[in-house]
Amino acid sequence: MKKLFFLSLLVAASFTAFSQTDEYKAENEGWLVKIDEAYEQSQKTGKPILANFTGSDWCGWCKRLTASVFVKDDFKKWADDNVILLELDFPKRTALPTEIKQQNAQLQQAFQVRGYPTIWVFNLNKDDQGQFQIEALGKTGYRKTVGEFTNDVERMIAQGKKGDGK
């Protein structure tokens, strides 16, 4: 299932910090909204990124996943130990900062996301030109419980490690 994607984000645009972007936060505590920050934390910790493609203010299944998994203490503890959390939101009633909206659209296209919620687990690196290289480990969607969700993600991570020869 391991795939390698190349993502061309404008490095200058992705590192640009505007006050509007700095004020924008994820719906759930502990989640990042900028791919650059997720990349930095992933590089420091060696943990893969878990990206939640969501429609936070309109998607019923997204809201159910948040309520049944993402806000639970056992998920938060598991996530702290295993992944870097990245929220990629596509709201209908909430305006996103332009930089975040563009970033999310580029990632949606790179991962070919067509429905919500879609959760991708991946490793991220940069090539010599500063472009992101995405090593996709797998994807999942709505799961009823923390256990079902984390078991899916742990399986993806384990498969990725086997593919690396680790």
C-alpha atoms as a PDB file:
ATOM      1  CA  MET A   1       0.000   0.000   0.000  1.00  0.00           C
ATOM      2  CA  LYS A   2       3.022   2.227   0.334  1.00  0.00           C
ATOM      3  CA  LYS A   3       3.048   4.914  -2.335  1.00  0.00           C
ATOM      4  CA  LEU A   4       5.301   7.865  -2.966  1.00  0.00           C
ATOM      5  CA  PHE A   5       3.747  11.151  -3.998  1.00  0.00           C
ATOM      6  CA  PHE A   6       5.471  14.373  -4.892  1.00  0.00           C
ATOM      7  CA  LEU A   7       3.913  17.591  -3.749  1.00  0.00           C
ATOM      8  CA  SER A   8       4.962  20.923  -5.114  1.00  0.00           C
ATOM      9  CA  LEU A   9       4.063  23.548  -2.597  1.00  0.00           C
ATOM     10  CA  LEU A  10       5.547  26.928  -3.115  1.00  0.00           C
ATOM     11  CA  VAL A  11       8.173  26.940  -0.401  1.00  0.00           C
ATOM     12  CA  ALA A  12       8.112  30.705  -0.082  1.00  0.00           C
ATOM     13  CA  ALA A  13       4.337  30.718   0.289  1.00  0.00           C
ATOM     14  CA  SER A  14       4.321  27.846   2.736  1.00  0.00           C
ATOM     15  CA  PHE A  15       6.771  29.560   5.056  1.00  0.00           C
ATOM     16  CA  THR A  16       5.057  32.947   4.844  1.00  0.00           C
ATOM     17  CA  ALA A  17       3.598  33.857   8.203  1.00  0.00           C
ATOM     18  CA  PHE A  18       0.659  36.205   8.201  1.00  0.00           C
ATOM     19  CA  SER A  19      -1.088  37.199  11.403  1.00  0.00           C
ATOM     20  CA  GLN A  20      -4.372  35.761  10.087  1.00  0.00           C
ATOM     21  CA  THR A  21      -2.724  32.365   9.583  1.00  0.00           C
ATOM     22  CA  ASP A  22      -1.052  32.520  12.986  1.00  0.00           C
ATOM     23  CA  GLU A  23      -4.453  33.033  14.645  1.00  0.00           C
ATOM     24  CA  TYR A  24      -6.143  30.157  12.808  1.00  0.00           C
ATOM     25  CA  LYS A  25      -6.328  26.982  14.886  1.00  0.00           C
ATOM     26  CA  ALA A  26      -7.616  23.469  14.344  1.00  0.00           C
ATOM     27  CA  GLU A  27     -11.052  22.457  15.577  1.00  0.00           C
ATOM     28  CA  ASN A  28      -9.484  19.927  17.964  1.00  0.00           C
ATOM     29  CA  GLU A  29      -6.835  20.759  20.529  1.00  0.00           C
ATOM     30  CA  GLY A  30      -3.393  19.382  19.749  1.00  0.00           C
ATOM     31  CA  TRP A  31      -3.853  19.295  15.973  1.00  0.00           C
ATOM     32  CA  LEU A  32      -1.669  21.355  13.648  1.00  0.00           C
ATOM     33  CA  VAL A  33      -2.980  23.193  10.575  1.00  0.00           C
ATOM     34  CA  LYS A  34       0.266  23.890   8.687  1.00  0.00           C
ATOM     35  CA  ILE A  35       2.080  21.193   6.744  1.00  0.00           C
ATOM     36  CA  ASP A  36       5.425  22.873   7.502  1.00  0.00           C
ATOM     37  CA  GLU A  37       4.873  22.555  11.249  1.00  0.00           C
ATOM     38  CA  ALA A  38       3.776  18.926  10.887  1.00  0.00           C
ATOM     39  CA  TYR A  39       6.876  18.250   8.781  1.00  0.00           C
ATOM     40  CA  GLU A  40       9.189  19.806  11.382  1.00  0.00           C
ATOM     41  CA  GLN A  41       7.660  17.821  14.232  1.00  0.00           C
ATOM     42  CA  SER A  42       7.693  14.620  12.200  1.00  0.00           C
ATOM     43  CA  GLN A  43      11.383  15.094  11.401  1.00  0.00           C
ATOM     44  CA  LYS A  44      12.232  15.759  15.065  1.00  0.00           C
ATOM     45  CA  THR A  45      10.275  12.812  16.441  1.00  0.00           C
ATOM     46  CA  GLY A  46      10.400  10.256  13.632  1.00  0.00           C
ATOM     47  CA  LYS A  47       6.611   9.906  13.852  1.00  0.00           C
ATOM     48  CA  PRO A  48       4.421   9.761  10.747  1.00  0.00           C
ATOM     49  CA  ILE A  49       1.788  12.413  10.084  1.00  0.00           C
ATOM     50  CA  LEU A  50      -1.896  11.603  10.485  1.00  0.00           C
ATOM     51  CA  ALA A  51      -3.847  14.044   8.317  1.00  0.00           C
ATOM     52  CA  ASN A  52      -7.579  14.449   8.834  1.00  0.00           C
ATOM     53  CA  PHE A  53      -9.281  15.774   5.685  1.00  0.00           C
ATOM     54  CA  THR A  54     -12.523  17.092   7.139  1.00  0.00           C
ATOM     55  CA  GLY A  55     -15.484  19.361   6.582  1.00  0.00           C
ATOM     56  CA  SER A  56     -15.694  20.426  10.203  1.00  0.00           C
ATOM     57  CA  ASP A  57     -18.773  22.621   9.994  1.00  0.00           C
ATOM     58  CA  TRP A  58     -20.940  20.575   7.621  1.00  0.00           C
ATOM     59  CA  CYS A  59     -19.820  16.922   7.399  1.00  0.00           C
ATOM     60  CA  GLY A  60     -21.899  14.692   9.669  1.00  0.00           C
ATOM     61  CA  TRP A  61     -19.505  11.730   9.528  1.00  0.00           C
ATOM     62  CA  CYS A  62     -16.599  14.062  10.335  1.00  0.00           C
ATOM     63  CA  LYS A  63     -18.430  15.313  13.408  1.00  0.00           C
ATOM     64  CA  ARG A  64     -19.201  11.740  14.449  1.00  0.00           C
ATOM     65  CA  LEU A  65     -15.548  10.719  14.053  1.00  0.00           C
ATOM     66  CA  THR A  66     -14.451  13.674  16.157  1.00  0.00           C
ATOM     67  CA  ALA A  67     -16.988  12.831  18.868  1.00  0.00           C
ATOM     68  CA  SER A  68     -16.274   9.096  18.921  1.00  0.00           C
ATOM     69  CA  VAL A  69     -12.492   9.186  18.485  1.00  0.00           C
ATOM     70  CA  PHE A  70     -10.572  12.470  18.280  1.00  0.00           C
ATOM     71  CA  VAL A  71     -11.792  14.082  21.518  1.00  0.00           C
ATOM     72  CA  LYS A  72     -11.326  10.940  23.633  1.00  0.00           C
ATOM     73  CA  ASP A  73      -8.472  10.931  26.151  1.00  0.00           C
ATOM     74  CA  ASP A  74      -7.267   7.472  25.093  1.00  0.00           C
ATOM     75  CA  PHE A  75      -6.955   8.676  21.491  1.00  0.00           C
ATOM     76  CA  LYS A  76      -5.070  11.806  22.576  1.00  0.00           C
ATOM     77  CA  LYS A  77      -2.602   9.721  24.585  1.00  0.00           C
ATOM     78  CA  TRP A  78      -2.172   7.256  21.734  1.00  0.00           C
ATOM     79  CA  ALA A  79      -1.639  10.107  19.236  1.00  0.00           C
ATOM     80  CA  ASP A  80       0.966  11.800  21.471  1.00  0.00           C
ATOM     81  CA  ASP A  81       2.947   8.557  21.444  1.00  0.00           C
ATOM     82  CA  ASN A  82       2.534   7.584  17.792  1.00  0.00           C
ATOM     83  CA  VAL A  83       1.711  10.327  15.271  1.00  0.00           C
ATOM     84  CA  ILE A  84       1.776  14.024  14.414  1.00  0.00           C
ATOM     85  CA  LEU A  85      -1.788  15.294  13.989  1.00  0.00           C
ATOM     86  CA  LEU A  86      -2.641  17.553  11.033  1.00  0.00           C
ATOM     87  CA  GLU A  87      -6.120  18.936  10.340  1.00  0.00           C
ATOM     88  CA  LEU A  88      -6.924  19.821   6.730  1.00  0.00           C
ATOM     89  CA  ASP A  89     -10.322  21.458   6.869  1.00  0.00           C
ATOM     90  CA  PHE A  90     -12.764  22.262   4.061  1.00  0.00           C
ATOM     91  CA  PRO A  91     -15.515  24.183   5.858  1.00  0.00           C
ATOM     92  CA  LYS A  92     -18.495  25.757   4.119  1.00  0.00           C
ATOM     93  CA  ARG A  93     -19.479  28.384   6.689  1.00  0.00           C
ATOM     94  CA  THR A  94     -16.062  29.291   8.081  1.00  0.00           C
ATOM     95  CA  ALA A  95     -13.527  31.319   6.120  1.00  0.00           C
ATOM     96  CA  LEU A  96     -10.001  29.946   6.157  1.00  0.00           C
ATOM     97  CA  PRO A  97      -6.890  32.072   5.722  1.00  0.00           C
ATOM     98  CA  THR A  98      -5.900  32.058   2.042  1.00  0.00           C
ATOM     99  CA  GLU A  99      -2.599  30.266   2.700  1.00  0.00           C
ATOM    100  CA  ILE A 100      -4.326  27.452   4.601  1.00  0.00           C
ATOM    101  CA  LYS A 101      -7.072  27.135   1.986  1.00  0.00           C
ATOM    102  CA  GLN A 102      -4.448  26.822  -0.802  1.00  0.00           C
ATOM    103  CA  GLN A 103      -2.336  24.365   1.206  1.00  0.00           C
ATOM    104  CA  ASN A 104      -5.367  22.185   1.975  1.00  0.00           C
ATOM    105  CA  ALA A 105      -6.492  22.201  -1.670  1.00  0.00           C
ATOM    106  CA  GLN A 106      -3.020  21.161  -2.848  1.00  0.00           C
ATOM    107  CA  LEU A 107      -2.896  18.318  -0.340  1.00  0.00           C
ATOM    108  CA  GLN A 108      -6.443  17.252  -1.240  1.00  0.00           C
ATOM    109  CA  GLN A 109      -5.358  17.044  -4.875  1.00  0.00           C
ATOM    110  CA  ALA A 110      -2.089  15.247  -4.075  1.00  0.00           C
ATOM    111  CA  PHE A 111      -3.908  12.592  -2.027  1.00  0.00           C
ATOM    112  CA  GLN A 112      -6.899  12.492  -4.413  1.00  0.00           C
ATOM    113  CA  VAL A 113      -9.367  12.986  -1.560  1.00  0.00           C
ATOM    114  CA  ARG A 114     -12.947  12.877  -2.823  1.00  0.00           C
ATOM    115  CA  GLY A 115     -14.942  12.425   0.385  1.00  0.00           C
ATOM    116  CA  TYR A 116     -14.877  13.282   4.060  1.00  0.00           C
ATOM    117  CA  PRO A 117     -13.661  12.266   6.482  1.00  0.00           C
ATOM    118  CA  THR A 118     -10.556  10.825   4.861  1.00  0.00           C
ATOM    119  CA  ILE A 119      -7.556  10.219   7.079  1.00  0.00           C
ATOM    120  CA  TRP A 120      -4.164   9.640   5.478  1.00  0.00           C
ATOM    121  CA  VAL A 121      -1.084   8.447   7.347  1.00  0.00           C
ATOM    122  CA  PHE A 122       2.220   9.347   5.720  1.00  0.00           C
ATOM    123  CA  ASN A 123       5.870  10.199   6.102  1.00  0.00           C
ATOM    124  CA  LEU A 124       7.092  13.475   4.669  1.00  0.00           C
ATOM    125  CA  ASN A 125      10.518  14.446   3.355  1.00  0.00           C
ATOM    126  CA  LYS A 126      11.924  17.210   1.178  1.00  0.00           C
ATOM    127  CA  ASP A 127      13.990  16.846  -1.964  1.00  0.00           C
ATOM    128  CA  ASP A 128      16.957  19.015  -3.001  1.00  0.00           C
ATOM    129  CA  GLN A 129      14.612  21.662  -4.415  1.00  0.00           C
ATOM    130  CA  GLY A 130      12.658  21.936  -1.145  1.00  0.00           C
ATOM    131  CA  GLN A 131       9.592  20.144  -2.512  1.00  0.00           C
ATOM    132  CA  PHE A 132       7.778  17.713  -0.266  1.00  0.00           C
ATOM    133  CA  GLN A 133       7.946  14.018  -1.012  1.00  0.00           C
ATOM    134  CA  ILE A 134       5.054  12.095   0.502  1.00  0.00           C
ATOM    135  CA  GLU A 135       5.415   8.426   1.406  1.00  0.00           C
ATOM    136  CA  ALA A 136       1.806   7.343   1.861  1.00  0.00           C
ATOM    137  CA  LEU A 137       1.338   4.557   4.407  1.00  0.00           C
ATOM    138  CA  GLY A 138      -2.425   4.222   4.058  1.00  0.00           C
ATOM    139  CA  LYS A 139      -5.820   5.811   4.531  1.00  0.00           C
ATOM    140  CA  THR A 140      -8.943   5.228   6.540  1.00  0.00           C
ATOM    141  CA  GLY A 141     -12.240   6.942   7.241  1.00  0.00           C
ATOM    142  CA  TYR A 142     -14.886   6.901   9.927  1.00  0.00           C
ATOM    143  CA  ARG A 143     -14.484   4.317  12.682  1.00  0.00           C
ATOM    144  CA  LYS A 144     -16.879   3.922  15.619  1.00  0.00           C
ATOM    145  CA  THR A 145     -14.303   3.572  18.384  1.00  0.00           C
ATOM    146  CA  VAL A 146     -10.825   4.693  19.337  1.00  0.00           C
ATOM    147  CA  GLY A 147      -9.680   1.071  19.267  1.00  0.00           C
ATOM    148  CA  GLU A 148     -10.919   0.454  15.725  1.00  0.00           C
ATOM    149  CA  PHE A 149      -9.343   3.682  14.529  1.00  0.00           C
ATOM    150  CA  THR A 150      -5.961   3.250  16.213  1.00  0.00           C
ATOM    151  CA  ASN A 151      -5.739  -0.414  15.168  1.00  0.00           C
ATOM    152  CA  ASP A 152      -6.181   0.642  11.517  1.00  0.00           C
ATOM    153  CA  VAL A 153      -3.491   3.302  11.824  1.00  0.00           C
ATOM    154  CA  GLU A 154      -1.065   1.034  13.708  1.00  0.00           C
ATOM    155  CA  ARG A 155      -1.429  -1.567  10.942  1.00  0.00           C
ATOM    156  CA  MET A 156      -0.557   1.080   8.322  1.00  0.00           C
ATOM    157  CA  ILE A 157       2.485   2.236  10.267  1.00  0.00           C
ATOM    158  CA  ALA A 158       3.673  -1.353  10.768  1.00  0.00           C
ATOM    159  CA  GLN A 159       3.265  -2.103   7.051  1.00  0.00           C
ATOM    160  CA  GLY A 160       5.295   1.015   6.252  1.00  0.00           C
ATOM    161  CA  LYS A 161       8.115  -0.102   8.521  1.00  0.00           C
ATOM    162  CA  LYS A 162       8.162  -3.550   6.901  1.00  0.00           C
ATOM    163  CA  GLY A 163       8.459  -1.875   3.503  1.00  0.00           C
ATOM    164  CA  ASP A 164      11.452   0.093   4.762  1.00  0.00           C
ATOM    165  CA  GLY A 165      13.180  -3.057   5.925  1.00  0.00           C
ATOM    166  CA  LYS A 166      13.074  -1.910   9.560  1.00  0.00           C
END
